[in-house]
Structures are given as C-alpha cells and as structure tokens.
Amino acid sequence: MNDSGRNGQYFWCTRHNRVETEADVCAARYTMGPYPSVAAAENALTQVRQRNEAWDAEDARWAGESK
C-alpha cells in the first residue's frame, strides 16, 4: 500500500487486516479511521489497545483499586 489515498484518507479494515483507501474501503462496521497516513492506519489496533489499557488503569484508580 502506498500513500496515494485521496486527501490522506486511510482506514484499517478489521475484516481483512489491511490498510484501505477510499477507493477500496469496506463497510464502516469493519473499518477504523480515517487516518492521515498508511503508517497511522497500520498502527490503529496498537493505539486502541494502548488507550484501552490507559482507560482501564484510570478506571481502576478512580475506583480505588491498584492495577
């Protein structure tokens, strides 16, 4: 995949586990984005995991639990 997406619109497809552009993007229920670059789209699941871990830790801290 190259950086030829229209207006920098790249998506991570959870159905096909690949970066897609507006030209070949799957239905919204299968995609995450848009992202400004191929690299950002490729990193989508890592970013989601990191944010979820941070939010879980914050929830635990808020509830008075140690995590």
PDB file of N, CA and C in Angstrom:
ATOM      1  N   MET A   1       0.850  -1.176   0.000  1.00  0.00           N
ATOM      2  CA  MET A   1       0.000   0.000   0.000  1.00  0.00           C
ATOM      3  C   MET A   1       0.885   1.225   0.000  1.00  0.00           C
ATOM      4  N   ASN A   2       0.632   2.158  -0.896  1.00  0.00           N
ATOM      5  CA  ASN A   2       1.404   3.398  -0.905  1.00  0.00           C
ATOM      6  C   ASN A   2       0.556   4.533  -0.340  1.00  0.00           C
ATOM      7  N   ASP A   3       1.151   5.700  -0.235  1.00  0.00           N
ATOM      8  CA  ASP A   3       0.457   6.848   0.331  1.00  0.00           C
ATOM      9  C   ASP A   3      -0.299   7.631  -0.737  1.00  0.00           C
ATOM     10  N   SER A   4      -1.113   6.960  -1.526  1.00  0.00           N
ATOM     11  CA  SER A   4      -1.826   7.630  -2.608  1.00  0.00           C
ATOM     12  C   SER A   4      -3.310   7.798  -2.327  1.00  0.00           C
ATOM     13  N   GLY A   5      -3.718   7.684  -1.079  1.00  0.00           N
ATOM     14  CA  GLY A   5      -5.128   7.854  -0.727  1.00  0.00           C
ATOM     15  C   GLY A   5      -5.585   9.272  -0.971  1.00  0.00           C
ATOM     16  N   ARG A   6      -6.835   9.424  -1.338  1.00  0.00           N
ATOM     17  CA  ARG A   6      -7.391  10.742  -1.614  1.00  0.00           C
ATOM     18  C   ARG A   6      -7.486  11.542  -0.336  1.00  0.00           C
ATOM     19  N   ASN A   7      -6.906  12.740  -0.338  1.00  0.00           N
ATOM     20  CA  ASN A   7      -6.958  13.649   0.807  1.00  0.00           C
ATOM     21  C   ASN A   7      -6.445  12.999   2.091  1.00  0.00           C
ATOM     22  N   GLY A   8      -5.520  12.060   1.974  1.00  0.00           N
ATOM     23  CA  GLY A   8      -4.960  11.447   3.168  1.00  0.00           C
ATOM     24  C   GLY A   8      -5.954  10.605   3.935  1.00  0.00           C
ATOM     25  N   GLN A   9      -6.855   9.955   3.263  1.00  0.00           N
ATOM     26  CA  GLN A   9      -7.869   9.148   3.921  1.00  0.00           C
ATOM     27  C   GLN A   9      -7.506   7.670   3.844  1.00  0.00           C
ATOM     28  N   TYR A  10      -7.030   7.140   4.977  1.00  0.00           N
ATOM     29  CA  TYR A  10      -6.667   5.732   5.070  1.00  0.00           C
ATOM     30  C   TYR A  10      -7.467   5.109   6.196  1.00  0.00           C
ATOM     31  N   PHE A  11      -7.804   3.859   6.039  1.00  0.00           N
ATOM     32  CA  PHE A  11      -8.632   3.152   7.002  1.00  0.00           C
ATOM     33  C   PHE A  11      -8.001   1.811   7.326  1.00  0.00           C
ATOM     34  N   TRP A  12      -8.199   1.334   8.561  1.00  0.00           N
ATOM     35  CA  TRP A  12      -7.773  -0.012   8.915  1.00  0.00           C
ATOM     36  C   TRP A  12      -9.006  -0.892   8.850  1.00  0.00           C
ATOM     37  N   CYS A  13      -8.951  -1.931   8.027  1.00  0.00           N
ATOM     38  CA  CYS A  13     -10.066  -2.859   7.880  1.00  0.00           C
ATOM     39  C   CYS A  13      -9.860  -4.035   8.826  1.00  0.00           C
ATOM     40  N   THR A  14     -10.776  -4.185   9.781  1.00  0.00           N
ATOM     41  CA  THR A  14     -10.680  -5.289  10.741  1.00  0.00           C
ATOM     42  C   THR A  14     -11.131  -6.606  10.121  1.00  0.00           C
ATOM     43  N   ARG A  15     -11.790  -6.542   9.004  1.00  0.00           N
ATOM     44  CA  ARG A  15     -12.234  -7.754   8.308  1.00  0.00           C
ATOM     45  C   ARG A  15     -11.087  -8.389   7.521  1.00  0.00           C
ATOM     46  N   HIS A  16     -10.295  -7.552   6.860  1.00  0.00           N
ATOM     47  CA  HIS A  16      -9.209  -8.037   6.016  1.00  0.00           C
ATOM     48  C   HIS A  16      -7.824  -7.822   6.632  1.00  0.00           C
ATOM     49  N   ASN A  17      -7.764  -7.138   7.789  1.00  0.00           N
ATOM     50  CA  ASN A  17      -6.491  -6.836   8.457  1.00  0.00           C
ATOM     51  C   ASN A  17      -5.505  -6.178   7.503  1.00  0.00           C
ATOM     52  N   ARG A  18      -5.955  -5.058   6.919  1.00  0.00           N
ATOM     53  CA  ARG A  18      -5.107  -4.316   5.993  1.00  0.00           C
ATOM     54  C   ARG A  18      -5.547  -2.856   5.938  1.00  0.00           C
ATOM     55  N   VAL A  19      -4.667  -2.031   5.402  1.00  0.00           N
ATOM     56  CA  VAL A  19      -4.987  -0.626   5.156  1.00  0.00           C
ATOM     57  C   VAL A  19      -5.788  -0.543   3.867  1.00  0.00           C
ATOM     58  N   GLU A  20      -6.810   0.300   3.888  1.00  0.00           N
ATOM     59  CA  GLU A  20      -7.611   0.536   2.696  1.00  0.00           C
ATOM     60  C   GLU A  20      -7.756   2.035   2.481  1.00  0.00           C
ATOM     61  N   THR A  21      -7.992   2.420   1.242  1.00  0.00           N
ATOM     62  CA  THR A  21      -8.217   3.823   0.899  1.00  0.00           C
ATOM     63  C   THR A  21      -9.698   3.994   0.570  1.00  0.00           C
ATOM     64  N   GLU A  22     -10.096   5.223   0.314  1.00  0.00           N
ATOM     65  CA  GLU A  22     -11.496   5.458  -0.050  1.00  0.00           C
ATOM     66  C   GLU A  22     -11.886   4.684  -1.300  1.00  0.00           C
ATOM     67  N   ALA A  23     -10.920   4.391  -2.147  1.00  0.00           N
ATOM     68  CA  ALA A  23     -11.188   3.670  -3.388  1.00  0.00           C
ATOM     69  C   ALA A  23     -11.582   2.221  -3.151  1.00  0.00           C
ATOM     70  N   ASP A  24     -11.129   1.624  -2.030  1.00  0.00           N
ATOM     71  CA  ASP A  24     -11.395   0.202  -1.798  1.00  0.00           C
ATOM     72  C   ASP A  24     -11.857  -0.104  -0.381  1.00  0.00           C
ATOM     73  N   VAL A  25     -12.368   0.898   0.320  1.00  0.00           N
ATOM     74  CA  VAL A  25     -12.713   0.723   1.728  1.00  0.00           C
ATOM     75  C   VAL A  25     -13.959  -0.154   1.905  1.00  0.00           C
ATOM     76  N   CYS A  26     -13.912  -1.020   2.916  1.00  0.00           N
ATOM     77  CA  CYS A  26     -15.048  -1.873   3.268  1.00  0.00           C
ATOM     78  C   CYS A  26     -16.119  -1.035   3.991  1.00  0.00           C
ATOM     79  N   ALA A  27     -17.194  -1.674   4.341  1.00  0.00           N
ATOM     80  CA  ALA A  27     -18.269  -1.020   5.073  1.00  0.00           C
ATOM     81  C   ALA A  27     -17.750  -0.468   6.400  1.00  0.00           C
ATOM     82  N   ALA A  28     -18.350   0.605   6.861  1.00  0.00           N
ATOM     83  CA  ALA A  28     -17.905   1.295   8.074  1.00  0.00           C
ATOM     84  C   ALA A  28     -17.837   0.370   9.285  1.00  0.00           C
ATOM     85  N   ARG A  29     -18.697  -0.621   9.361  1.00  0.00           N
ATOM     86  CA  ARG A  29     -18.678  -1.518  10.529  1.00  0.00           C
ATOM     87  C   ARG A  29     -17.394  -2.330  10.623  1.00  0.00           C
ATOM     88  N   TYR A  30     -16.642  -2.410   9.530  1.00  0.00           N
ATOM     89  CA  TYR A  30     -15.392  -3.164   9.511  1.00  0.00           C
ATOM     90  C   TYR A  30     -14.150  -2.286   9.556  1.00  0.00           C
ATOM     91  N   THR A  31     -14.324  -0.977   9.538  1.00  0.00           N
ATOM     92  CA  THR A  31     -13.160  -0.109   9.413  1.00  0.00           C
ATOM     93  C   THR A  31     -12.983   0.831  10.588  1.00  0.00           C
ATOM     94  N   MET A  32     -11.739   1.245  10.752  1.00  0.00           N
ATOM     95  CA  MET A  32     -11.366   2.245  11.743  1.00  0.00           C
ATOM     96  C   MET A  32     -10.699   3.368  10.970  1.00  0.00           C
ATOM     97  N   GLY A  33     -10.967   4.586  11.358  1.00  0.00           N
ATOM     98  CA  GLY A  33     -10.358   5.713  10.680  1.00  0.00           C
ATOM     99  C   GLY A  33     -11.394   6.741  10.315  1.00  0.00           C
ATOM    100  N   PRO A  34     -11.020   7.707   9.560  1.00  0.00           N
ATOM    101  CA  PRO A  34      -9.847   7.769   8.704  1.00  0.00           C
ATOM    102  C   PRO A  34      -8.594   8.189   9.470  1.00  0.00           C
ATOM    103  N   TYR A  35      -7.464   7.835   8.896  1.00  0.00           N
ATOM    104  CA  TYR A  35      -6.147   8.191   9.408  1.00  0.00           C
ATOM    105  C   TYR A  35      -5.421   8.986   8.343  1.00  0.00           C
ATOM    106  N   PRO A  36      -4.457   9.833   8.745  1.00  0.00           N
ATOM    107  CA  PRO A  36      -3.778  10.701   7.783  1.00  0.00           C
ATOM    108  C   PRO A  36      -2.678  10.022   6.970  1.00  0.00           C
ATOM    109  N   SER A  37      -2.289   8.801   7.361  1.00  0.00           N
ATOM    110  CA  SER A  37      -1.213   8.115   6.633  1.00  0.00           C
ATOM    111  C   SER A  37      -1.406   6.604   6.724  1.00  0.00           C
ATOM    112  N   VAL A  38      -0.699   5.905   5.863  1.00  0.00           N
ATOM    113  CA  VAL A  38      -0.722   4.447   5.894  1.00  0.00           C
ATOM    114  C   VAL A  38      -0.188   3.955   7.235  1.00  0.00           C
ATOM    115  N   ALA A  39       0.904   4.557   7.691  1.00  0.00           N
ATOM    116  CA  ALA A  39       1.512   4.129   8.956  1.00  0.00           C
ATOM    117  C   ALA A  39       0.550   4.300  10.122  1.00  0.00           C
ATOM    118  N   ALA A  40      -0.174   5.395  10.163  1.00  0.00           N
ATOM    119  CA  ALA A  40      -1.139   5.622  11.239  1.00  0.00           C
ATOM    120  C   ALA A  40      -2.255   4.577  11.185  1.00  0.00           C
ATOM    121  N   ALA A  41      -2.721   4.246  10.004  1.00  0.00           N
ATOM    122  CA  ALA A  41      -3.761   3.223   9.866  1.00  0.00           C
ATOM    123  C   ALA A  41      -3.237   1.855  10.286  1.00  0.00           C
ATOM    124  N   GLU A  42      -1.993   1.544   9.917  1.00  0.00           N
ATOM    125  CA  GLU A  42      -1.394   0.259  10.303  1.00  0.00           C
ATOM    126  C   GLU A  42      -1.249   0.148  11.821  1.00  0.00           C
ATOM    127  N   ASN A  43      -1.130   1.264  12.498  1.00  0.00           N
ATOM    128  CA  ASN A  43      -0.932   1.298  13.942  1.00  0.00           C
ATOM    129  C   ASN A  43      -2.254   1.400  14.713  1.00  0.00           C
ATOM    130  N   ALA A  44      -3.368   1.348  14.021  1.00  0.00           N
ATOM    131  CA  ALA A  44      -4.680   1.577  14.643  1.00  0.00           C
ATOM    132  C   ALA A  44      -4.960   0.629  15.808  1.00  0.00           C
ATOM    133  N   LEU A  45      -4.753  -0.650  15.632  1.00  0.00           N
ATOM    134  CA  LEU A  45      -5.077  -1.604  16.698  1.00  0.00           C
ATOM    135  C   LEU A  45      -4.158  -1.456  17.899  1.00  0.00           C
ATOM    136  N   THR A  46      -2.892  -1.123  17.658  1.00  0.00           N
ATOM    137  CA  THR A  46      -1.967  -0.878  18.761  1.00  0.00           C
ATOM    138  C   THR A  46      -2.412   0.343  19.553  1.00  0.00           C
ATOM    139  N   GLN A  47      -2.812   1.379  18.846  1.00  0.00           N
ATOM    140  CA  GLN A  47      -3.277   2.594  19.509  1.00  0.00           C
ATOM    141  C   GLN A  47      -4.541   2.325  20.330  1.00  0.00           C
ATOM    142  N   VAL A  48      -5.454   1.549  19.795  1.00  0.00           N
ATOM    143  CA  VAL A  48      -6.675   1.191  20.526  1.00  0.00           C
ATOM    144  C   VAL A  48      -6.320   0.407  21.792  1.00  0.00           C
ATOM    145  N   ARG A  49      -5.418  -0.564  21.675  1.00  0.00           N
ATOM    146  CA  ARG A  49      -5.013  -1.361  22.835  1.00  0.00           C
ATOM    147  C   ARG A  49      -4.388  -0.483  23.907  1.00  0.00           C
ATOM    148  N   GLN A  50      -3.506   0.418  23.498  1.00  0.00           N
ATOM    149  CA  GLN A  50      -2.847   1.304  24.464  1.00  0.00           C
ATOM    150  C   GLN A  50      -3.849   2.218  25.153  1.00  0.00           C
ATOM    151  N   ARG A  51      -4.786   2.756  24.401  1.00  0.00           N
ATOM    152  CA  ARG A  51      -5.798   3.630  25.003  1.00  0.00           C
ATOM    153  C   ARG A  51      -6.693   2.853  25.956  1.00  0.00           C
ATOM    154  N   ASN A  52      -7.086   1.644  25.575  1.00  0.00           N
ATOM    155  CA  ASN A  52      -7.924   0.826  26.461  1.00  0.00           C
ATOM    156  C   ASN A  52      -7.208   0.497  27.762  1.00  0.00           C
ATOM    157  N   GLU A  53      -5.919   0.173  27.671  1.00  0.00           N
ATOM    158  CA  GLU A  53      -5.146  -0.118  28.880  1.00  0.00           C
ATOM    159  C   GLU A  53      -5.064   1.121  29.776  1.00  0.00           C
ATOM    160  N   ALA A  54      -4.840   2.284  29.181  1.00  0.00           N
ATOM    161  CA  ALA A  54      -4.768   3.517  29.962  1.00  0.00           C
ATOM    162  C   ALA A  54      -6.117   3.828  30.609  1.00  0.00           C
ATOM    163  N   TRP A  55      -7.193   3.653  29.869  1.00  0.00           N
ATOM    164  CA  TRP A  55      -8.527   3.921  30.422  1.00  0.00           C
ATOM    165  C   TRP A  55      -8.876   2.921  31.518  1.00  0.00           C
ATOM    166  N   ASP A  56      -8.509   1.646  31.343  1.00  0.00           N
ATOM    167  CA  ASP A  56      -8.755   0.639  32.384  1.00  0.00           C
ATOM    168  C   ASP A  56      -7.994   0.980  33.655  1.00  0.00           C
ATOM    169  N   ALA A  57      -6.745   1.431  33.504  1.00  0.00           N
ATOM    170  CA  ALA A  57      -5.945   1.817  34.663  1.00  0.00           C
ATOM    171  C   ALA A  57      -6.559   3.026  35.352  1.00  0.00           C
ATOM    172  N   GLU A  58      -7.038   3.978  34.581  1.00  0.00           N
ATOM    173  CA  GLU A  58      -7.677   5.159  35.159  1.00  0.00           C
ATOM    174  C   GLU A  58      -8.976   4.774  35.870  1.00  0.00           C
ATOM    175  N   ASP A  59      -9.755   3.881  35.279  1.00  0.00           N
ATOM    176  CA  ASP A  59     -10.977   3.399  35.937  1.00  0.00           C
ATOM    177  C   ASP A  59     -10.647   2.731  37.263  1.00  0.00           C
ATOM    178  N   ALA A  60      -9.614   1.904  37.277  1.00  0.00           N
ATOM    179  CA  ALA A  60      -9.201   1.216  38.495  1.00  0.00           C
ATOM    180  C   ALA A  60      -8.737   2.227  39.542  1.00  0.00           C
ATOM    181  N   ARG A  61      -7.969   3.227  39.109  1.00  0.00           N
ATOM    182  CA  ARG A  61      -7.507   4.259  40.034  1.00  0.00           C
ATOM    183  C   ARG A  61      -8.694   5.016  40.620  1.00  0.00           C
ATOM    184  N   TRP A  62      -9.646   5.354  39.770  1.00  0.00           N
ATOM    185  CA  TRP A  62     -10.837   6.071  40.200  1.00  0.00           C
ATOM    186  C   TRP A  62     -11.637   5.256  41.219  1.00  0.00           C
ATOM    187  N   ALA A  63     -11.695   3.944  41.015  1.00  0.00           N
ATOM    188  CA  ALA A  63     -12.450   3.048  41.906  1.00  0.00           C
ATOM    189  C   ALA A  63     -11.645   2.695  43.162  1.00  0.00           C
ATOM    190  N   GLY A  64     -10.397   3.155  43.257  1.00  0.00           N
ATOM    191  CA  GLY A  64      -9.583   2.879  44.424  1.00  0.00           C
ATOM    192  C   GLY A  64      -8.875   1.543  44.377  1.00  0.00           C
ATOM    193  N   GLU A  65      -8.832   0.934  43.215  1.00  0.00           N
ATOM    194  CA  GLU A  65      -8.140  -0.347  43.049  1.00  0.00           C
ATOM    195  C   GLU A  65      -6.725  -0.080  42.554  1.00  0.00           C
ATOM    196  N   SER A  66      -5.807  -0.938  42.914  1.00  0.00           N
ATOM    197  CA  SER A  66      -4.472  -0.797  42.334  1.00  0.00           C
ATOM    198  C   SER A  66      -4.375  -1.709  41.133  1.00  0.00           C
ATOM    199  N   LYS A  67      -3.696  -1.240  40.114  1.00  0.00           N
ATOM    200  CA  LYS A  67      -3.586  -2.025  38.893  1.00  0.00           C
ATOM    201  C   LYS A  67      -2.194  -2.024  38.387  1.00  0.00           C
TER     202      LYS A  67
END
